[in-house]
Amino acid sequence: MTSQSIIQGIVLLLYLVAMIMVGFIFYKKNTTHADYILGGRGMNIWVTSMSAQASDMSGWLLMGLPGTAYLLGAGTTEAAWTAIGLAIGTYLNWLIVAKPLRKYTQIAGNSITIPDFLQNRFRSKSNVLRVFAALFILIFFTVYTSSMFAAGAKLFDYIFDMGYLPALILSVVVVAVYTYLGGFKAVCWTDLFQGLLMFFAIIIVAVFMYRDLNGTGFVWSQLGDISLGITKGFGAMGIVSAIAWGFGYFGQPHILTRFMAIRSSKEIKPARIIAMVWVIISLALAVIIGMLANPFLKQLMATGQLPAGVLGADGMLADSEKVFMVLIQHMFPTIIAGVLLAAVLAAIMSTADSQLLVASSSFSSDIYNTIFNKNASEKKLLLISRLAIIVIAAIAFVLAIDPNSSVFEIVAHAWAGFGAAFGPIILCSLFWKRCNENGALAGVISGGATALLWAYVPALIWGADIPAIFTVYEIIPGAVISFICIFVVSLLTKAPSEEVISEFESVRKADI
């Protein structure tokens, strides 16, 4: 390990210690289960907006997206269209879903999880809908969390040169301990800092790359290539699949819980403005950095600033998802590089902790407290939530053991699963009063199952020769099937009671 790596490692370790200390600070402030998993609905504008976006973008923003743009090179238009879809989805989620969800979850029995809300929304007397929703959250978030652990392992391995498996263990332990201690309040407040760190890191890297590539001529010609690719397209199927990422926002529990936790529904609008500024700038620069990384690294190699062996015989990095880290380490002085690398760690932690927390709350509230112990005390539920974090982290660790796992691909599958299982029913529950419990159950099961089957079964049947229709992003067929099932089953079964309809109407008029 070089002196540079040691200094950068110390900076990262100090950052980790600071995050864990925040967990300790909030440890004794979580006196109830509701405090631990939703923070008492007391988050302010800045905490809500930054926490929602930091937990949303994750290591994918600083690893997956730049890595994909770097790897595709001239085909960067795919990454650009994905970024466009995400920006649109973020805006619509804040505009359409955030305010009514904040109001409805409090009016409907003060619901503190998405499965809890679905049960209360439809006045369900059985626990079938709630349990199925919780099971999908556990499955998809365990997979999603594994991608964040893999991203953390790549970072630690790159800095400390410790091997993937030890780095993975370190990644899992740090995130699990911090989340176990702090709960929702600690997660959200640290996300505020981590979101700002990610934002400034991506701006600084982009500005220095622009400067070092010697002026506007080359950079703008590269941006022109992307513009040309976007306007002339990279295939209708590809464009639809990329933009479909945006629909996934309507069904992401770790983002939706931020809307549920803001202290007032009236504060949604200013929080949305802050979030959109962050998202548009961050996504655009992530794609641009990835696109410019290839010529930039070759320039560093030509001037002797990049050691031999960093790039392969093909002139590319062996692992494209490390491109942001490689750029940082060879662009800036050691200590500054360490701080900027902490931004990558911040991106990973801000999502992994949120996912672990939501998954554990679904187990404790929607499975344990619903099936196994209906009379569990607040203290017992708090303990079960914390134990669930350890178990889920252990399973995610096993899923992330493969060092060749792609953060981008794992996130894509988990994102589609959530979007298809929960996106349609969240929209229907908020805006269609004829929607009923039977339709909701059919939508959750059919959407989640379709996304899973679409992602894996065609490859098992056809191998590399998958028919074109099955190459479309699985969130699309999953969401379409879910919507169809919700509408058909709801209309064919008994209409909601007058009590449910009355509550639905009251949400529109309420300000909370």
Protein backbone atom coordinates (compact mmCIF):
# COMPACT_ATOMS: atom_id res chain seq x y z
CA MET A 1 0.00 0.00 0.00
CA THR A 2 1.40 3.40 -1.02
CA SER A 3 1.61 6.44 1.23
CA GLN A 4 -1.09 8.02 -0.92
CA SER A 5 -3.43 5.09 -0.26
CA ILE A 6 -2.67 5.20 3.47
CA ILE A 7 -3.54 8.89 3.74
CA GLN A 8 -6.72 8.46 1.68
CA GLY A 9 -7.61 5.42 3.75
CA ILE A 10 -7.25 7.44 6.95
CA VAL A 11 -9.61 10.10 5.53
CA LEU A 12 -12.17 7.40 4.70
CA LEU A 13 -11.84 5.79 8.12
CA LEU A 14 -12.37 9.16 9.82
CA TYR A 15 -15.48 9.59 7.71
CA LEU A 16 -16.72 6.13 8.74
CA VAL A 17 -16.09 6.90 12.41
CA ALA A 18 -18.04 10.15 12.07
CA MET A 19 -21.02 8.32 10.56
CA ILE A 20 -21.00 5.68 13.28
CA MET A 21 -20.81 8.41 15.93
CA VAL A 22 -23.99 9.91 14.49
CA GLY A 23 -25.57 6.50 14.95
CA PHE A 24 -24.52 6.52 18.61
CA ILE A 25 -25.92 10.03 19.08
CA PHE A 26 -29.36 8.96 17.88
CA TYR A 27 -29.25 5.53 19.53
CA LYS A 28 -30.96 6.58 22.76
CA LYS A 29 -33.29 9.02 21.00
CA ASN A 30 -35.17 6.15 19.36
CA THR A 31 -37.53 5.37 22.23
CA THR A 32 -40.33 3.87 20.11
CA HIS A 33 -40.55 1.62 17.08
CA ALA A 34 -42.22 4.44 15.09
CA ASP A 35 -39.32 6.79 15.92
CA TYR A 36 -36.83 4.20 14.75
CA ILE A 37 -38.41 3.59 11.34
CA LEU A 38 -40.07 6.94 10.44
CA GLY A 39 -38.55 9.57 12.73
CA GLY A 40 -41.86 10.80 14.13
CA ARG A 41 -42.75 12.57 10.85
CA GLY A 42 -40.57 15.50 11.84
CA MET A 43 -38.08 15.90 8.96
CA ASN A 44 -37.54 19.43 7.62
CA ILE A 45 -37.35 20.55 3.98
CA TRP A 46 -33.60 20.17 3.48
CA VAL A 47 -33.32 16.84 5.28
CA THR A 48 -36.27 15.41 3.36
CA SER A 49 -35.10 16.53 -0.08
CA MET A 50 -31.45 15.57 0.36
CA SER A 51 -32.25 12.31 2.10
CA ALA A 52 -34.70 11.29 -0.63
CA GLN A 53 -32.22 11.98 -3.40
CA ALA A 54 -29.10 10.65 -1.68
CA SER A 55 -30.84 7.39 -0.78
CA ASP A 56 -32.25 7.27 -4.31
CA MET A 57 -29.08 7.71 -6.37
CA SER A 58 -26.67 5.70 -4.22
CA GLY A 59 -23.38 4.28 -5.48
CA TRP A 60 -25.11 3.96 -8.82
CA LEU A 61 -24.72 7.73 -9.40
CA LEU A 62 -20.94 7.78 -8.87
CA MET A 63 -20.14 4.23 -10.02
CA GLY A 64 -22.86 2.60 -12.11
CA LEU A 65 -23.90 5.53 -14.32
CA PRO A 66 -20.41 6.99 -15.06
CA GLY A 67 -19.13 3.44 -15.51
CA THR A 68 -21.83 2.68 -18.07
CA ALA A 69 -21.19 5.93 -19.95
CA TYR A 70 -17.43 5.22 -19.92
CA LEU A 71 -17.87 1.64 -21.13
CA LEU A 72 -20.30 2.52 -23.92
CA GLY A 73 -18.23 5.37 -25.29
CA ALA A 74 -19.96 6.38 -28.51
CA GLY A 75 -23.06 4.57 -27.26
CA THR A 76 -23.38 6.86 -24.25
CA THR A 77 -26.84 7.80 -25.45
CA GLU A 78 -28.22 4.83 -23.49
CA ALA A 79 -26.87 6.30 -20.25
CA ALA A 80 -28.14 9.74 -21.28
CA TRP A 81 -31.66 8.47 -21.93
CA THR A 82 -31.62 6.64 -18.59
CA ALA A 83 -30.64 9.89 -16.87
CA ILE A 84 -33.45 11.73 -18.67
CA GLY A 85 -35.94 9.09 -17.57
CA LEU A 86 -34.75 9.33 -13.97
CA ALA A 87 -35.00 13.13 -13.95
CA ILE A 88 -38.56 12.99 -15.29
CA GLY A 89 -39.51 10.26 -12.83
CA THR A 90 -38.06 12.18 -9.89
CA TYR A 91 -40.03 15.29 -10.77
CA LEU A 92 -43.32 13.45 -11.27
CA ASN A 93 -42.86 11.52 -8.04
CA TRP A 94 -42.42 14.73 -6.05
CA LEU A 95 -45.21 16.48 -7.99
CA ILE A 96 -47.86 13.74 -8.05
CA VAL A 97 -47.18 11.32 -5.21
CA ALA A 98 -45.37 13.13 -2.39
CA LYS A 99 -48.11 15.38 -1.00
CA PRO A 100 -51.10 13.00 -1.15
CA LEU A 101 -48.99 10.15 0.23
CA ARG A 102 -47.85 12.30 3.17
CA LYS A 103 -51.46 13.15 3.97
CA TYR A 104 -53.00 9.76 3.28
CA THR A 105 -50.51 7.75 5.33
CA GLN A 106 -51.29 9.85 8.40
CA ILE A 107 -55.05 9.93 7.88
CA ALA A 108 -55.17 6.18 7.18
CA GLY A 109 -54.30 4.94 10.65
CA ASN A 110 -51.00 6.83 10.89
CA SER A 111 -49.33 4.22 8.65
CA ILE A 112 -45.58 3.98 9.08
CA THR A 113 -44.68 1.50 6.31
CA ILE A 114 -45.94 1.03 2.75
CA PRO A 115 -47.55 -2.39 3.51
CA ASP A 116 -49.15 -0.81 6.60
CA PHE A 117 -50.56 1.98 4.43
CA LEU A 118 -52.00 -0.47 1.89
CA GLN A 119 -53.78 -2.41 4.63
CA ASN A 120 -55.15 0.73 6.26
CA ARG A 121 -56.06 2.36 2.93
CA PHE A 122 -58.42 -0.50 2.02
CA ARG A 123 -59.55 -1.27 5.59
CA SER A 124 -58.31 -4.80 5.07
CA LYS A 125 -59.48 -7.29 7.68
CA SER A 126 -56.98 -9.90 6.56
CA ASN A 127 -53.20 -9.56 6.48
CA VAL A 128 -52.66 -11.08 3.03
CA LEU A 129 -52.01 -7.82 1.16
CA ARG A 130 -49.76 -6.47 3.90
CA VAL A 131 -47.69 -9.66 4.15
CA PHE A 132 -47.24 -10.06 0.38
CA ALA A 133 -46.17 -6.43 0.07
CA ALA A 134 -43.68 -6.90 2.92
CA LEU A 135 -42.28 -10.07 1.32
CA PHE A 136 -41.62 -8.26 -1.96
CA ILE A 137 -39.88 -5.46 -0.05
CA LEU A 138 -37.68 -7.98 1.75
CA ILE A 139 -36.78 -9.81 -1.46
CA PHE A 140 -36.02 -6.80 -3.65
CA PHE A 141 -34.31 -4.76 -0.93
CA THR A 142 -32.05 -7.64 0.01
CA VAL A 143 -30.93 -7.80 -3.64
CA TYR A 144 -30.68 -4.00 -3.86
CA THR A 145 -28.64 -3.81 -0.66
CA SER A 146 -26.24 -6.44 -2.00
CA SER A 147 -25.42 -4.08 -4.89
CA MET A 148 -24.51 -1.33 -2.42
CA PHE A 149 -22.30 -3.72 -0.46
CA ALA A 150 -20.59 -4.69 -3.72
CA ALA A 151 -20.04 -1.01 -4.52
CA GLY A 152 -18.54 -0.43 -1.07
CA ALA A 153 -16.28 -3.45 -1.49
CA LYS A 154 -14.98 -2.10 -4.80
CA LEU A 155 -14.18 1.21 -3.13
CA PHE A 156 -12.37 -0.31 -0.14
CA ASP A 157 -10.50 -2.79 -2.34
CA TYR A 158 -9.39 0.02 -4.64
CA ILE A 159 -8.12 2.19 -1.79
CA PHE A 160 -6.68 -0.41 0.59
CA ASP A 161 -5.80 -3.12 -1.96
CA MET A 162 -7.15 -5.66 0.52
CA GLY A 163 -8.92 -8.04 -1.81
CA TYR A 164 -12.62 -8.09 -2.66
CA LEU A 165 -13.84 -10.41 0.12
CA PRO A 166 -12.22 -8.57 3.08
CA ALA A 167 -13.38 -5.29 1.51
CA LEU A 168 -16.91 -6.67 1.25
CA ILE A 169 -16.87 -7.70 4.92
CA LEU A 170 -15.74 -4.20 5.92
CA SER A 171 -18.47 -2.65 3.76
CA VAL A 172 -21.20 -4.82 5.31
CA VAL A 173 -20.05 -4.32 8.91
CA VAL A 174 -19.81 -0.53 8.68
CA VAL A 175 -23.23 -0.02 7.08
CA ALA A 176 -25.00 -2.58 9.27
CA VAL A 177 -23.57 -1.21 12.54
CA TYR A 178 -24.36 2.40 11.67
CA THR A 179 -27.94 1.57 10.63
CA TYR A 180 -28.49 -0.72 13.62
CA LEU A 181 -27.61 2.10 15.98
CA GLY A 182 -29.16 5.20 14.47
CA GLY A 183 -32.49 4.38 12.88
CA PHE A 184 -34.42 6.73 10.58
CA LYS A 185 -33.37 10.05 12.11
CA ALA A 186 -29.67 9.24 11.92
CA VAL A 187 -30.07 7.95 8.38
CA CYS A 188 -31.87 11.09 7.21
CA TRP A 189 -29.60 13.62 8.90
CA THR A 190 -26.45 11.95 7.63
CA ASP A 191 -28.05 11.73 4.18
CA LEU A 192 -28.28 15.52 4.20
CA PHE A 193 -24.52 15.78 4.60
CA GLN A 194 -23.83 12.86 2.27
CA GLY A 195 -26.09 14.26 -0.45
CA LEU A 196 -24.27 17.59 -0.35
CA LEU A 197 -20.89 15.83 -0.42
CA MET A 198 -21.92 13.78 -3.48
CA PHE A 199 -23.20 16.93 -5.21
CA PHE A 200 -20.05 18.97 -4.73
CA ALA A 201 -17.76 16.03 -5.56
CA ILE A 202 -19.38 15.44 -8.93
CA ILE A 203 -19.25 19.16 -9.76
CA ILE A 204 -15.57 19.45 -8.80
CA VAL A 205 -14.55 16.43 -10.87
CA ALA A 206 -16.50 17.67 -13.90
CA VAL A 207 -15.01 21.18 -13.68
CA PHE A 208 -11.42 19.92 -13.43
CA MET A 209 -11.92 17.46 -16.29
CA TYR A 210 -13.29 20.27 -18.44
CA ARG A 211 -10.30 22.46 -17.60
CA ASP A 212 -7.69 19.77 -18.22
CA LEU A 213 -9.17 18.73 -21.55
CA ASN A 214 -8.05 22.13 -22.84
CA GLY A 215 -11.04 24.21 -23.59
CA THR A 216 -14.45 24.05 -25.13
CA GLY A 217 -13.66 22.60 -28.52
CA PHE A 218 -13.11 18.96 -27.61
CA VAL A 219 -15.66 18.85 -24.79
CA TRP A 220 -18.45 20.41 -26.82
CA SER A 221 -17.77 18.11 -29.74
CA GLN A 222 -18.25 15.15 -27.41
CA LEU A 223 -21.46 16.64 -26.02
CA GLY A 224 -22.56 17.15 -29.61
CA ASP A 225 -22.14 13.42 -30.21
CA ILE A 226 -24.51 12.71 -27.32
CA SER A 227 -27.02 15.30 -28.57
CA LEU A 228 -26.92 13.78 -32.03
CA GLY A 229 -27.40 10.31 -30.58
CA ILE A 230 -30.34 11.44 -28.48
CA THR A 231 -32.12 13.22 -31.33
CA LYS A 232 -31.49 10.48 -33.89
CA GLY A 233 -32.10 7.76 -31.34
CA PHE A 234 -30.46 4.54 -30.34
CA GLY A 235 -33.54 2.46 -31.07
CA ALA A 236 -37.14 2.85 -29.97
CA MET A 237 -36.97 -0.19 -27.68
CA GLY A 238 -33.85 1.16 -26.00
CA ILE A 239 -35.32 4.63 -25.51
CA VAL A 240 -38.52 3.27 -24.01
CA SER A 241 -36.57 0.97 -21.67
CA ALA A 242 -34.25 3.77 -20.55
CA ILE A 243 -37.04 6.26 -19.88
CA ALA A 244 -39.02 3.54 -18.08
CA TRP A 245 -36.49 3.82 -15.25
CA GLY A 246 -38.38 6.98 -14.30
CA PHE A 247 -41.61 5.09 -13.63
CA GLY A 248 -39.82 3.06 -10.97
CA TYR A 249 -39.86 6.05 -8.61
CA PHE A 250 -43.54 5.59 -7.83
CA GLY A 251 -42.78 2.26 -6.16
CA GLN A 252 -39.52 2.78 -4.28
CA PRO A 253 -40.27 2.38 -0.53
CA HIS A 254 -37.00 3.99 0.63
CA ILE A 255 -37.94 7.17 -1.27
CA LEU A 256 -41.66 7.10 -0.46
CA THR A 257 -40.93 6.91 3.26
CA ARG A 258 -39.15 10.28 2.98
CA PHE A 259 -42.38 11.82 1.72
CA MET A 260 -44.22 10.19 4.62
CA ALA A 261 -41.76 11.64 7.15
CA ILE A 262 -41.73 15.32 6.18
CA ARG A 263 -43.19 17.43 8.98
CA SER A 264 -45.85 19.17 6.83
CA SER A 265 -47.50 18.46 3.47
CA LYS A 266 -47.13 22.18 2.70
CA GLU A 267 -43.34 21.79 2.66
CA ILE A 268 -43.38 19.31 -0.23
CA LYS A 269 -43.11 22.04 -2.90
CA PRO A 270 -39.91 23.75 -1.64
CA ALA A 271 -38.39 20.32 -0.96
CA ARG A 272 -39.20 19.35 -4.56
CA ILE A 273 -37.35 22.39 -5.93
CA ILE A 274 -34.22 21.55 -3.92
CA ALA A 275 -34.39 17.90 -4.97
CA MET A 276 -34.77 18.70 -8.69
CA VAL A 277 -31.79 21.07 -8.77
CA TRP A 278 -29.69 18.33 -7.16
CA VAL A 279 -30.95 15.61 -9.49
CA ILE A 280 -30.64 17.42 -12.81
CA ILE A 281 -27.10 18.66 -12.18
CA SER A 282 -25.90 15.36 -10.68
CA LEU A 283 -27.31 13.11 -13.40
CA ALA A 284 -26.08 15.31 -16.24
CA LEU A 285 -22.56 15.54 -14.85
CA ALA A 286 -22.39 11.80 -14.08
CA VAL A 287 -23.04 11.02 -17.76
CA ILE A 288 -20.63 13.71 -18.98
CA ILE A 289 -17.86 12.53 -16.64
CA GLY A 290 -18.25 8.96 -17.86
CA MET A 291 -18.27 10.06 -21.48
CA LEU A 292 -15.12 12.20 -21.11
CA ALA A 293 -13.25 9.68 -18.94
CA ASN A 294 -11.78 7.69 -21.83
CA PRO A 295 -9.96 10.56 -23.56
CA PHE A 296 -9.09 12.09 -20.19
CA LEU A 297 -7.42 8.93 -18.87
CA LYS A 298 -5.51 8.50 -22.12
CA GLN A 299 -4.30 12.09 -21.79
CA LEU A 300 -3.12 11.36 -18.25
CA MET A 301 -1.33 8.26 -19.52
CA ALA A 302 0.39 10.24 -22.29
CA THR A 303 1.64 12.86 -19.82
CA GLY A 304 2.87 10.25 -17.31
CA GLN A 305 0.31 11.14 -14.66
CA LEU A 306 -1.32 7.73 -14.87
CA PRO A 307 0.92 4.75 -13.95
CA ALA A 308 1.42 1.97 -16.45
CA GLY A 309 -0.91 -0.95 -15.96
CA VAL A 310 -3.92 1.05 -14.83
CA LEU A 311 -5.39 0.74 -18.30
CA GLY A 312 -5.53 -2.60 -20.07
CA ALA A 313 -4.21 -3.49 -23.50
CA ASP A 314 -7.43 -2.15 -25.00
CA GLY A 315 -6.86 1.22 -23.33
CA MET A 316 -9.75 0.71 -20.90
CA LEU A 317 -10.11 0.03 -17.19
CA ALA A 318 -10.73 -3.60 -16.30
CA ASP A 319 -13.70 -2.55 -14.15
CA SER A 320 -15.55 0.38 -15.71
CA GLU A 321 -17.46 1.08 -12.48
CA LYS A 322 -14.23 2.20 -10.81
CA VAL A 323 -13.73 5.02 -13.32
CA PHE A 324 -14.91 7.82 -10.98
CA MET A 325 -12.52 6.61 -8.26
CA VAL A 326 -9.59 6.34 -10.69
CA LEU A 327 -10.25 9.87 -11.93
CA ILE A 328 -10.33 11.28 -8.41
CA GLN A 329 -7.16 9.54 -7.29
CA HIS A 330 -5.13 10.80 -10.26
CA MET A 331 -6.58 14.30 -10.58
CA PHE A 332 -6.25 15.74 -7.08
CA PRO A 333 -3.76 16.04 -4.20
CA THR A 334 -3.90 13.12 -1.77
CA ILE A 335 -6.04 14.61 1.01
CA ILE A 336 -8.53 16.24 -1.38
CA ALA A 337 -8.77 12.94 -3.25
CA GLY A 338 -9.53 11.22 0.05
CA VAL A 339 -12.37 13.64 0.76
CA LEU A 340 -13.80 13.17 -2.74
CA LEU A 341 -13.54 9.40 -2.43
CA ALA A 342 -15.56 9.77 0.76
CA ALA A 343 -18.32 11.09 -1.52
CA VAL A 344 -18.42 7.69 -3.22
CA LEU A 345 -18.69 6.07 0.18
CA ALA A 346 -21.42 8.57 1.10
CA ALA A 347 -23.37 7.59 -2.01
CA ILE A 348 -23.18 3.94 -1.05
CA MET A 349 -24.00 4.37 2.64
CA SER A 350 -26.89 6.77 2.05
CA THR A 351 -28.75 4.10 0.12
CA ALA A 352 -27.66 0.93 1.89
CA ASP A 353 -28.71 2.23 5.31
CA SER A 354 -32.11 3.31 3.97
CA GLN A 355 -32.70 -0.05 2.32
CA LEU A 356 -31.73 -2.01 5.41
CA LEU A 357 -33.98 0.16 7.55
CA VAL A 358 -37.04 -0.14 5.29
CA ALA A 359 -36.56 -3.89 4.89
CA SER A 360 -36.18 -4.42 8.63
CA SER A 361 -39.24 -2.28 9.38
CA SER A 362 -41.29 -4.33 6.93
CA PHE A 363 -40.25 -7.48 8.72
CA SER A 364 -40.86 -6.18 12.24
CA SER A 365 -44.10 -4.27 11.55
CA ASP A 366 -45.67 -6.13 8.65
CA ILE A 367 -44.60 -9.73 9.25
CA TYR A 368 -43.52 -10.27 12.86
CA ASN A 369 -46.09 -7.95 14.46
CA THR A 370 -48.81 -9.09 12.07
CA ILE A 371 -48.31 -12.86 12.04
CA PHE A 372 -46.14 -13.96 14.95
CA ASN A 373 -46.77 -11.50 17.79
CA LYS A 374 -49.69 -9.09 17.41
CA ASN A 375 -49.26 -7.77 20.93
CA ALA A 376 -45.54 -7.10 20.78
CA SER A 377 -44.39 -4.11 22.83
CA GLU A 378 -42.60 -1.11 21.35
CA LYS A 379 -39.38 -2.29 22.96
CA LYS A 380 -39.74 -5.75 21.43
CA LEU A 381 -40.48 -4.36 17.96
CA LEU A 382 -37.46 -2.08 18.20
CA LEU A 383 -35.28 -5.08 19.05
CA ILE A 384 -36.74 -7.15 16.20
CA SER A 385 -36.08 -4.32 13.74
CA ARG A 386 -32.44 -4.16 14.78
CA LEU A 387 -31.99 -7.93 14.63
CA ALA A 388 -33.60 -7.98 11.18
CA ILE A 389 -30.98 -5.50 9.98
CA ILE A 390 -28.24 -7.98 10.90
CA VAL A 391 -29.97 -10.92 9.19
CA ILE A 392 -30.77 -8.99 5.99
CA ALA A 393 -27.23 -7.64 5.84
CA ALA A 394 -25.86 -11.18 6.15
CA ILE A 395 -28.02 -12.44 3.27
CA ALA A 396 -27.09 -9.44 1.12
CA PHE A 397 -23.43 -10.18 1.88
CA VAL A 398 -23.80 -13.69 0.45
CA LEU A 399 -25.46 -12.32 -2.70
CA ALA A 400 -22.60 -9.83 -3.19
CA ILE A 401 -19.74 -12.32 -2.88
CA ASP A 402 -19.15 -12.44 -6.65
CA PRO A 403 -16.47 -9.76 -7.32
CA ASN A 404 -17.63 -9.45 -10.93
CA SER A 405 -21.15 -8.43 -9.95
CA SER A 406 -22.35 -5.28 -11.72
CA VAL A 407 -23.80 -2.53 -9.55
CA PHE A 408 -25.71 -1.20 -12.56
CA GLU A 409 -27.33 -4.55 -13.41
CA ILE A 410 -28.26 -5.48 -9.83
CA VAL A 411 -29.82 -2.06 -9.23
CA ALA A 412 -31.69 -2.31 -12.55
CA HIS A 413 -33.40 -5.58 -11.53
CA ALA A 414 -34.28 -4.45 -8.01
CA TRP A 415 -35.51 -1.07 -9.26
CA ALA A 416 -37.77 -2.77 -11.79
CA GLY A 417 -39.13 -5.14 -9.16
CA PHE A 418 -40.17 -2.29 -6.88
CA GLY A 419 -41.50 -0.16 -9.71
CA ALA A 420 -43.67 -2.96 -11.09
CA ALA A 421 -44.89 -4.30 -7.74
CA PHE A 422 -45.66 -1.00 -5.99
CA GLY A 423 -45.73 1.82 -8.55
CA PRO A 424 -49.15 1.00 -10.05
CA ILE A 425 -50.86 0.34 -6.71
CA ILE A 426 -49.42 3.48 -5.08
CA LEU A 427 -50.83 5.57 -7.95
CA CYS A 428 -54.18 3.77 -7.95
CA SER A 429 -54.55 3.92 -4.17
CA LEU A 430 -53.93 7.67 -4.20
CA PHE A 431 -56.02 8.63 -7.24
CA TRP A 432 -58.66 5.96 -7.96
CA LYS A 433 -61.35 5.62 -5.33
CA ARG A 434 -62.86 2.48 -6.94
CA CYS A 435 -59.63 0.57 -6.33
CA ASN A 436 -60.14 -2.14 -3.73
CA GLU A 437 -58.13 -4.62 -1.67
CA ASN A 438 -58.52 -7.47 -4.16
CA GLY A 439 -57.24 -5.33 -7.00
CA ALA A 440 -54.34 -4.12 -4.88
CA LEU A 441 -53.28 -7.66 -4.01
CA ALA A 442 -53.53 -8.76 -7.64
CA GLY A 443 -51.46 -5.77 -8.75
CA VAL A 444 -48.66 -6.23 -6.23
CA ILE A 445 -48.27 -9.96 -6.90
CA SER A 446 -48.62 -9.82 -10.69
CA GLY A 447 -46.32 -6.81 -11.10
CA GLY A 448 -43.53 -8.15 -8.91
CA ALA A 449 -43.75 -11.67 -10.34
CA THR A 450 -43.77 -10.46 -13.95
CA ALA A 451 -40.68 -8.32 -13.38
CA LEU A 452 -38.83 -11.27 -11.84
CA LEU A 453 -39.82 -13.74 -14.55
CA TRP A 454 -39.17 -11.30 -17.41
CA ALA A 455 -35.66 -10.60 -16.13
CA TYR A 456 -34.50 -14.21 -15.87
CA VAL A 457 -36.72 -16.73 -17.70
CA PRO A 458 -36.12 -15.62 -21.35
CA ALA A 459 -32.36 -16.04 -20.90
CA LEU A 460 -32.88 -19.53 -19.52
CA ILE A 461 -35.04 -20.47 -22.52
CA TRP A 462 -33.27 -18.77 -25.42
CA GLY A 463 -29.79 -18.06 -24.06
CA ALA A 464 -28.06 -15.30 -26.01
CA ASP A 465 -30.71 -15.35 -28.76
CA ILE A 466 -33.49 -13.70 -26.76
CA PRO A 467 -36.34 -12.39 -28.98
CA ALA A 468 -36.32 -8.59 -29.24
CA ILE A 469 -39.54 -8.16 -27.31
CA PHE A 470 -37.98 -9.74 -24.22
CA THR A 471 -35.08 -7.27 -24.23
CA VAL A 472 -37.38 -4.46 -23.10
CA TYR A 473 -36.75 -3.41 -19.50
CA GLU A 474 -38.80 -5.66 -17.21
CA ILE A 475 -40.41 -2.75 -15.38
CA ILE A 476 -42.57 -2.09 -18.47
CA PRO A 477 -44.34 -5.47 -18.77
CA GLY A 478 -44.45 -5.72 -14.98
CA ALA A 479 -46.20 -2.35 -14.59
CA VAL A 480 -48.58 -2.97 -17.50
CA ILE A 481 -49.67 -6.35 -16.10
CA SER A 482 -50.03 -4.84 -12.63
CA PHE A 483 -52.26 -1.99 -13.85
CA ILE A 484 -54.43 -4.41 -15.83
CA CYS A 485 -54.85 -6.69 -12.83
CA ILE A 486 -55.66 -3.79 -10.49
CA PHE A 487 -58.36 -2.40 -12.78
CA VAL A 488 -59.91 -5.70 -13.86
CA VAL A 489 -59.99 -7.32 -10.41
CA SER A 490 -61.20 -4.13 -8.68
CA LEU A 491 -64.08 -3.74 -11.16
CA LEU A 492 -65.05 -7.40 -10.96
CA THR A 493 -65.17 -7.49 -7.16
CA LYS A 494 -67.06 -5.57 -4.49
CA ALA A 495 -66.66 -1.80 -4.45
CA PRO A 496 -64.98 -0.16 -1.42
CA SER A 497 -67.19 0.74 1.54
CA GLU A 498 -68.57 4.21 2.10
CA GLU A 499 -66.09 4.63 4.96
CA VAL A 500 -63.15 3.99 2.60
CA ILE A 501 -64.58 6.34 -0.06
CA SER A 502 -65.19 9.07 2.52
CA GLU A 503 -61.63 8.85 3.77
CA PHE A 504 -60.34 8.97 0.18
CA GLU A 505 -62.27 12.20 -0.43
CA SER A 506 -61.07 13.75 2.84
CA VAL A 507 -57.42 13.40 1.87
CA ARG A 508 -57.82 15.85 -1.01
CA LYS A 509 -59.06 18.58 1.31
CA ALA A 510 -56.61 18.02 4.15
CA ASP A 511 -53.40 19.88 4.86
CA ILE A 512 -51.19 18.10 7.38
